[in-house]
Protein backbone atom coordinates (compact mmCIF):
# COMPACT_ATOMS: atom_id res chain seq x y z
CA UNK A 1 -26.51 -211.61 24.90
CA UNK A 2 -27.08 -208.51 26.99
CA UNK A 3 -24.34 -205.91 27.05
CA UNK A 4 -23.18 -205.68 30.72
CA UNK A 5 -22.11 -202.08 30.12
CA UNK A 6 -25.29 -200.93 28.39
CA UNK A 7 -26.57 -198.94 31.37
CA UNK A 8 -23.21 -197.24 31.86
CA UNK A 9 -22.96 -196.37 28.16
CA UNK A 10 -26.47 -194.92 28.12
CA UNK A 11 -25.82 -192.80 31.22
CA UNK A 12 -22.52 -191.43 29.94
CA UNK A 13 -23.92 -190.79 26.45
CA UNK A 14 -26.70 -188.68 27.96
CA UNK A 15 -24.12 -186.76 30.01
CA UNK A 16 -21.94 -186.10 26.95
CA UNK A 17 -24.88 -184.86 24.94
CA UNK A 18 -25.99 -182.57 27.76
CA UNK A 19 -22.51 -181.17 28.51
CA UNK A 20 -20.83 -181.25 25.14
CA UNK A 21 -18.08 -178.68 25.62
CA UNK A 22 -15.52 -178.83 22.79
CA UNK A 23 -11.96 -179.75 23.84
CA UNK A 24 -10.76 -176.29 22.78
CA UNK A 25 -12.65 -174.75 25.73
CA UNK A 26 -10.41 -176.60 28.18
CA UNK A 27 -7.32 -175.32 26.39
CA UNK A 28 -8.62 -171.76 26.17
CA UNK A 29 -7.27 -170.49 29.49
CA UNK A 30 -3.56 -171.37 29.19
CA UNK A 31 -3.48 -170.36 25.53
CA UNK A 32 -5.19 -167.03 26.17
CA UNK A 33 -2.98 -166.30 29.20
CA UNK A 34 0.16 -166.91 27.16
CA UNK A 35 -1.14 -164.74 24.36
CA UNK A 36 -2.26 -161.76 26.48
CA UNK A 37 0.77 -161.73 28.77
CA UNK A 38 3.03 -162.15 25.75
CA UNK A 39 1.39 -159.07 24.25
CA UNK A 40 1.70 -156.97 27.42
CA UNK A 41 5.13 -158.16 28.58
CA UNK A 42 8.00 -159.12 26.24
CA UNK A 43 9.14 -161.46 29.05
CA UNK A 44 6.34 -163.89 28.11
CA UNK A 45 6.42 -163.55 24.32
CA UNK A 46 7.18 -166.73 22.36
CA UNK A 47 8.53 -164.62 19.52
CA UNK A 48 9.49 -161.01 19.86
CA UNK A 49 9.50 -158.52 16.98
CA UNK A 50 10.11 -154.95 18.05
CA UNK A 51 8.19 -153.01 15.43
CA UNK A 52 4.74 -151.45 15.21
CA UNK A 53 3.47 -153.92 12.60
CA UNK A 54 4.26 -156.88 14.85
CA UNK A 55 2.58 -155.28 17.87
CA UNK A 56 -0.50 -154.50 15.79
CA UNK A 57 -0.57 -158.10 14.53
CA UNK A 58 -0.42 -159.41 18.12
CA UNK A 59 -3.20 -157.07 19.24
CA UNK A 60 -5.39 -158.31 16.39
CA UNK A 61 -4.58 -161.93 17.27
CA UNK A 62 -5.67 -161.49 20.90
CA UNK A 63 -8.99 -159.96 19.90
CA UNK A 64 -9.58 -162.67 17.28
CA UNK A 65 -8.86 -165.41 19.83
CA UNK A 66 -11.28 -163.88 22.30
CA UNK A 67 -13.97 -163.84 19.62
CA UNK A 68 -13.17 -167.48 18.83
CA UNK A 69 -13.56 -168.48 22.49
CA UNK A 70 -16.84 -166.60 22.66
CA UNK A 71 -18.00 -168.61 19.65
CA UNK A 72 -16.99 -171.89 21.29
CA UNK A 73 -19.04 -171.00 24.36
CA UNK A 74 -22.05 -169.67 22.44
CA UNK A 75 -24.01 -172.99 22.41
CA UNK A 76 -23.92 -173.04 26.21
CA UNK A 77 -24.04 -169.28 26.87
CA UNK A 78 -26.06 -167.93 23.93
CA UNK A 79 -26.82 -164.46 25.35
CA UNK A 80 -23.49 -162.71 24.88
CA UNK A 81 -22.51 -159.31 23.54
CA UNK A 82 -20.84 -159.35 20.13
CA UNK A 83 -18.83 -156.23 21.01
CA UNK A 84 -17.40 -157.73 24.20
CA UNK A 85 -13.99 -158.52 22.74
CA UNK A 86 -13.43 -154.98 21.46
CA UNK A 87 -14.43 -153.54 24.85
CA UNK A 88 -11.93 -155.84 26.53
CA UNK A 89 -9.19 -154.64 24.18
CA UNK A 90 -10.07 -151.05 25.09
CA UNK A 91 -9.34 -151.90 28.74
CA UNK A 92 -5.84 -153.28 28.06
CA UNK A 93 -3.93 -149.96 28.29
CA UNK A 94 -5.21 -149.31 31.82
CA UNK A 95 -4.75 -152.95 32.77
CA UNK A 96 -1.14 -152.76 31.57
CA UNK A 97 -0.54 -149.62 33.63
CA UNK A 98 -1.91 -151.28 36.78
CA UNK A 99 0.25 -154.37 36.25
CA UNK A 100 3.33 -152.20 35.86
CA UNK A 101 2.49 -150.64 39.22
CA UNK A 102 1.97 -154.08 40.77
CA UNK A 103 5.37 -155.30 39.55
CA UNK A 104 7.09 -152.14 40.84
CA UNK A 105 5.33 -152.46 44.22
CA UNK A 106 6.50 -156.08 44.61
CA UNK A 107 10.05 -155.08 43.70
CA UNK A 108 10.08 -152.25 46.23
CA UNK A 109 8.57 -154.42 48.98
CA UNK A 110 10.89 -157.43 48.67
CA UNK A 111 14.59 -157.09 49.55
CA UNK A 112 15.25 -160.33 47.66
CA UNK A 113 14.09 -158.85 44.34
CA UNK A 114 16.93 -157.56 42.19
CA UNK A 115 14.88 -155.97 39.41
CA UNK A 116 11.35 -155.45 38.15
CA UNK A 117 12.18 -157.84 35.29
CA UNK A 118 12.93 -160.53 37.86
CA UNK A 119 9.55 -159.94 39.48
CA UNK A 120 7.71 -160.23 36.17
CA UNK A 121 9.59 -163.36 35.10
CA UNK A 122 9.78 -165.35 38.31
CA UNK A 123 7.35 -164.21 41.01
CA UNK A 124 4.20 -166.35 41.33
CA UNK A 125 2.43 -163.50 43.11
CA UNK A 126 2.84 -161.26 40.09
CA UNK A 127 1.81 -164.02 37.69
CA UNK A 128 -1.34 -164.70 39.73
CA UNK A 129 -2.31 -161.04 39.96
CA UNK A 130 -1.66 -160.54 36.22
CA UNK A 131 -4.02 -163.37 35.35
CA UNK A 132 -6.55 -162.10 37.90
CA UNK A 133 -6.55 -158.62 36.34
CA UNK A 134 -7.22 -160.09 32.89
CA UNK A 135 -9.94 -162.34 34.30
CA UNK A 136 -11.50 -159.50 36.30
CA UNK A 137 -11.74 -157.30 33.19
CA UNK A 138 -13.59 -160.12 31.41
CA UNK A 139 -15.75 -160.81 34.46
CA UNK A 140 -16.88 -157.18 34.56
CA UNK A 141 -17.89 -157.49 30.90
CA UNK A 142 -19.97 -160.60 31.78
CA UNK A 143 -17.85 -162.80 29.55
CA UNK A 144 -19.00 -166.36 30.34
CA UNK A 145 -16.84 -169.05 31.98
CA UNK A 146 -13.44 -167.85 30.73
CA UNK A 147 -12.71 -165.66 33.81
CA UNK A 148 -13.07 -168.70 36.10
CA UNK A 149 -10.98 -170.85 33.78
CA UNK A 150 -8.26 -168.20 33.89
CA UNK A 151 -8.10 -167.81 37.67
CA UNK A 152 -8.27 -171.57 38.23
CA UNK A 153 -5.36 -171.96 35.82
CA UNK A 154 -3.45 -169.41 37.91
CA UNK A 155 -4.45 -171.35 41.03
CA UNK A 156 -3.00 -174.55 39.58
CA UNK A 157 0.21 -172.84 38.52
CA UNK A 158 0.87 -170.72 41.62
CA UNK A 159 -1.23 -171.94 44.55
CA UNK A 160 -2.89 -168.49 44.66
CA UNK A 161 -6.69 -168.68 44.50
CA UNK A 162 -8.33 -165.37 43.54
CA UNK A 163 -11.95 -165.24 42.41
CA UNK A 164 -12.25 -163.07 39.26
CA UNK A 165 -15.09 -161.13 40.89
CA UNK A 166 -12.93 -159.80 43.72
CA UNK A 167 -12.10 -156.08 43.69
CA UNK A 168 -8.37 -155.37 44.09
CA UNK A 169 -6.86 -151.90 44.02
CA UNK A 170 -3.52 -150.65 42.73
CA UNK A 171 -0.05 -151.76 43.81
CA UNK A 172 -1.04 -155.08 45.33
CA UNK A 173 1.86 -157.11 46.74
CA UNK A 174 1.46 -160.88 47.02
CA UNK A 175 4.62 -162.25 48.61
CA UNK A 176 5.25 -165.99 48.11
CA UNK A 177 1.49 -166.45 47.78
CA UNK A 178 1.14 -170.22 48.19
CA UNK A 179 -2.20 -171.05 49.76
CA UNK A 180 -3.56 -167.50 49.55
CA UNK A 181 -7.35 -167.31 49.03
CA UNK A 182 -9.33 -164.21 48.03
CA UNK A 183 -13.10 -164.71 47.81
CA UNK A 184 -15.52 -163.35 45.23
CA UNK A 185 -16.87 -160.32 47.11
CA UNK A 186 -13.59 -159.29 48.74
CA UNK A 187 -12.70 -155.60 48.36
CA UNK A 188 -9.01 -154.69 48.67
CA UNK A 189 -7.71 -151.12 48.55
CA UNK A 190 -4.40 -149.71 47.30
CA UNK A 191 -0.91 -150.58 48.54
CA UNK A 192 -1.98 -153.76 50.34
CA UNK A 193 0.50 -156.55 51.13
CA UNK A 194 -0.64 -160.15 51.50
CA UNK A 195 1.58 -163.07 52.47
CA UNK A 196 1.29 -166.81 51.94
CA UNK A 197 -1.61 -168.70 53.44
CA UNK A 198 -3.83 -165.65 53.98
CA UNK A 199 -7.56 -166.35 53.68
CA UNK A 200 -10.04 -163.58 52.91
CA UNK A 201 -13.15 -165.68 53.16
CA UNK A 202 -16.79 -165.98 54.17
CA UNK A 203 -18.16 -166.72 57.63
CA UNK A 204 -20.90 -168.93 56.21
CA UNK A 205 -21.09 -170.90 52.98
CA UNK A 206 -24.70 -170.98 51.87
CA UNK A 207 -26.13 -170.84 48.35
CA UNK A 208 -28.75 -168.33 49.49
CA UNK A 209 -25.93 -165.83 50.11
CA UNK A 210 -24.69 -165.94 46.50
CA UNK A 211 -25.66 -162.33 45.79
CA UNK A 212 -24.60 -160.94 49.17
CA UNK A 213 -21.24 -159.50 50.25
CA UNK A 214 -19.69 -162.49 52.02
CA UNK A 215 -16.01 -161.56 52.13
CA UNK A 216 -14.07 -158.83 53.98
CA UNK A 217 -12.97 -155.35 53.00
CA UNK A 218 -9.27 -154.54 53.33
CA UNK A 219 -8.60 -150.81 53.18
CA UNK A 220 -5.50 -149.03 51.82
CA UNK A 221 -1.98 -149.65 53.15
CA UNK A 222 -2.86 -152.80 55.14
CA UNK A 223 -0.36 -155.63 55.69
CA UNK A 224 -1.68 -159.15 56.32
CA UNK A 225 1.01 -161.61 57.35
CA UNK A 226 1.22 -165.35 56.70
CA UNK A 227 -1.69 -167.66 57.48
CA UNK A 228 -3.94 -164.94 58.87
CA UNK A 229 -7.66 -165.57 58.36
CA UNK A 230 -10.13 -162.71 57.91
CA UNK A 231 -13.77 -163.67 57.46
CA UNK A 232 -17.14 -162.06 56.86
CA UNK A 233 -18.76 -159.58 54.51
CA UNK A 234 -19.15 -156.99 57.26
CA UNK A 235 -15.54 -157.25 58.41
CA UNK A 236 -13.49 -154.16 57.56
CA UNK A 237 -9.76 -153.89 58.24
CA UNK A 238 -9.08 -150.18 58.61
CA UNK A 239 -6.48 -148.26 56.64
CA UNK A 240 -2.85 -148.77 57.65
CA UNK A 241 -3.52 -151.75 59.92
CA UNK A 242 -1.24 -154.74 60.42
CA UNK A 243 -2.66 -158.24 60.85
CA UNK A 244 -0.11 -160.60 62.36
CA UNK A 245 0.60 -164.12 61.18
CA UNK A 246 -1.98 -166.77 62.20
CA UNK A 247 -4.44 -164.13 63.44
CA UNK A 248 -8.13 -165.02 63.24
CA UNK A 249 -10.38 -162.03 62.59
CA UNK A 250 -14.18 -161.94 62.22
CA UNK A 251 -14.91 -158.37 63.28
CA UNK A 252 -13.88 -154.97 62.00
CA UNK A 253 -10.85 -153.12 63.31
CA UNK A 254 -10.27 -149.36 63.07
CA UNK A 255 -7.56 -147.68 61.02
CA UNK A 256 -3.95 -148.01 62.23
CA UNK A 257 -4.69 -151.12 64.30
CA UNK A 258 -2.34 -154.02 65.08
CA UNK A 259 -4.03 -157.41 65.43
CA UNK A 260 -1.93 -160.20 66.93
CA UNK A 261 -2.34 -163.84 67.83
CA UNK A 262 -0.67 -164.17 71.19
CA UNK A 263 1.42 -167.31 71.72
CA UNK A 264 1.31 -168.97 75.12
CA UNK A 265 4.33 -170.95 76.30
CA UNK A 266 3.93 -173.26 79.29
CA UNK A 267 5.56 -176.46 80.57
CA UNK A 268 4.35 -179.71 79.09
CA UNK A 269 3.45 -182.51 81.49
CA UNK A 270 3.08 -185.62 79.38
CA UNK A 271 -0.15 -185.59 77.39
CA UNK A 272 -2.08 -183.68 80.03
CA UNK A 273 -4.40 -181.06 78.56
CA UNK A 274 -3.77 -181.83 74.88
CA UNK A 275 -7.47 -182.41 74.30
CA UNK A 276 -8.31 -178.78 75.03
CA UNK A 277 -5.73 -177.21 72.73
CA UNK A 278 -7.26 -174.94 70.12
CA UNK A 279 -6.24 -176.29 66.73
CA UNK A 280 -7.26 -174.04 63.85
CA UNK A 281 -6.78 -174.98 60.22
C-alpha cells in the first residue's frame, strides 16, 4: 500500500539535508548574550566571584564559546577567519567603555531613573543597545549569522529592532523603546535620543539596493520623539534638531531645526469627510 505521506516526507527530508543547522545554533544567541553581558556587567552574572582568577576564567570562557559557535557555523559558512574570536575579545574594553557611557546617558536623560544600576538592570533600551554593540562588533569582523541572531533576540525581548550593521555613536539614549526600528545603513551620531515607535527606515525596499545607503543619517545631539518616521538614505537630520512625535520626514533638515506634525482640530459632522483623512501607520 502506498504511503500517503511519502511525498511530504521526501520534500522535508531534502529540506533538512540542505539546511541542517544543529540545534545549538538556535541557542547560541541567548547563551552568548548572557555570557558576554555577565562578563561586562556583574548585574547579569549568574555567579559572581570578585577576584582576578575568576575574571580571567570568564574571559577565556567567552572566547572559547565564540570559537565553538564559529565551528558550528563552519559547514554553512566555511570561509571564516580563525583569529576572529581573539579580535572580538580585543574590542571588549572599548565596547565596555561605550556601554558605560550609554547607561550614564540614559540615567541623566530620564527623571524616573534612580541610579545607573537601575538602568543596567531594568531598562529595555539599555539591554537592546548592549546587545546591538556586541552584535555590531561581530558584524564588523564579518562573523557569520550570529550578529543577526543576537539583534533578533534583543528584538524579541525588548521590541527594539536594530540591524547589527547600523552605525550608532556614543551616549545613545533609547527611552521606552518598544517598536523602535533602526535599519542596516542608518548612521547615528553622539548624544542622540530616540523614543518608542521611531522608525529610521528606507524609502524603497528593493533587493537591488542591498549595497546602497538606504537609511537616514542622524547627526549629533538630535532628539526624535515617539512614533516619528524618518526615511531615505539621503535624508540627513542636522545636528541639534528636534523631530516631534508622529512627524513624517523624507528630506534633509539643517542643524538646529524643529520638525513638527501639526494637528488640525475641527468640528465633526457625522461621518462626513472621513474617507479623506490621512491615516499613516
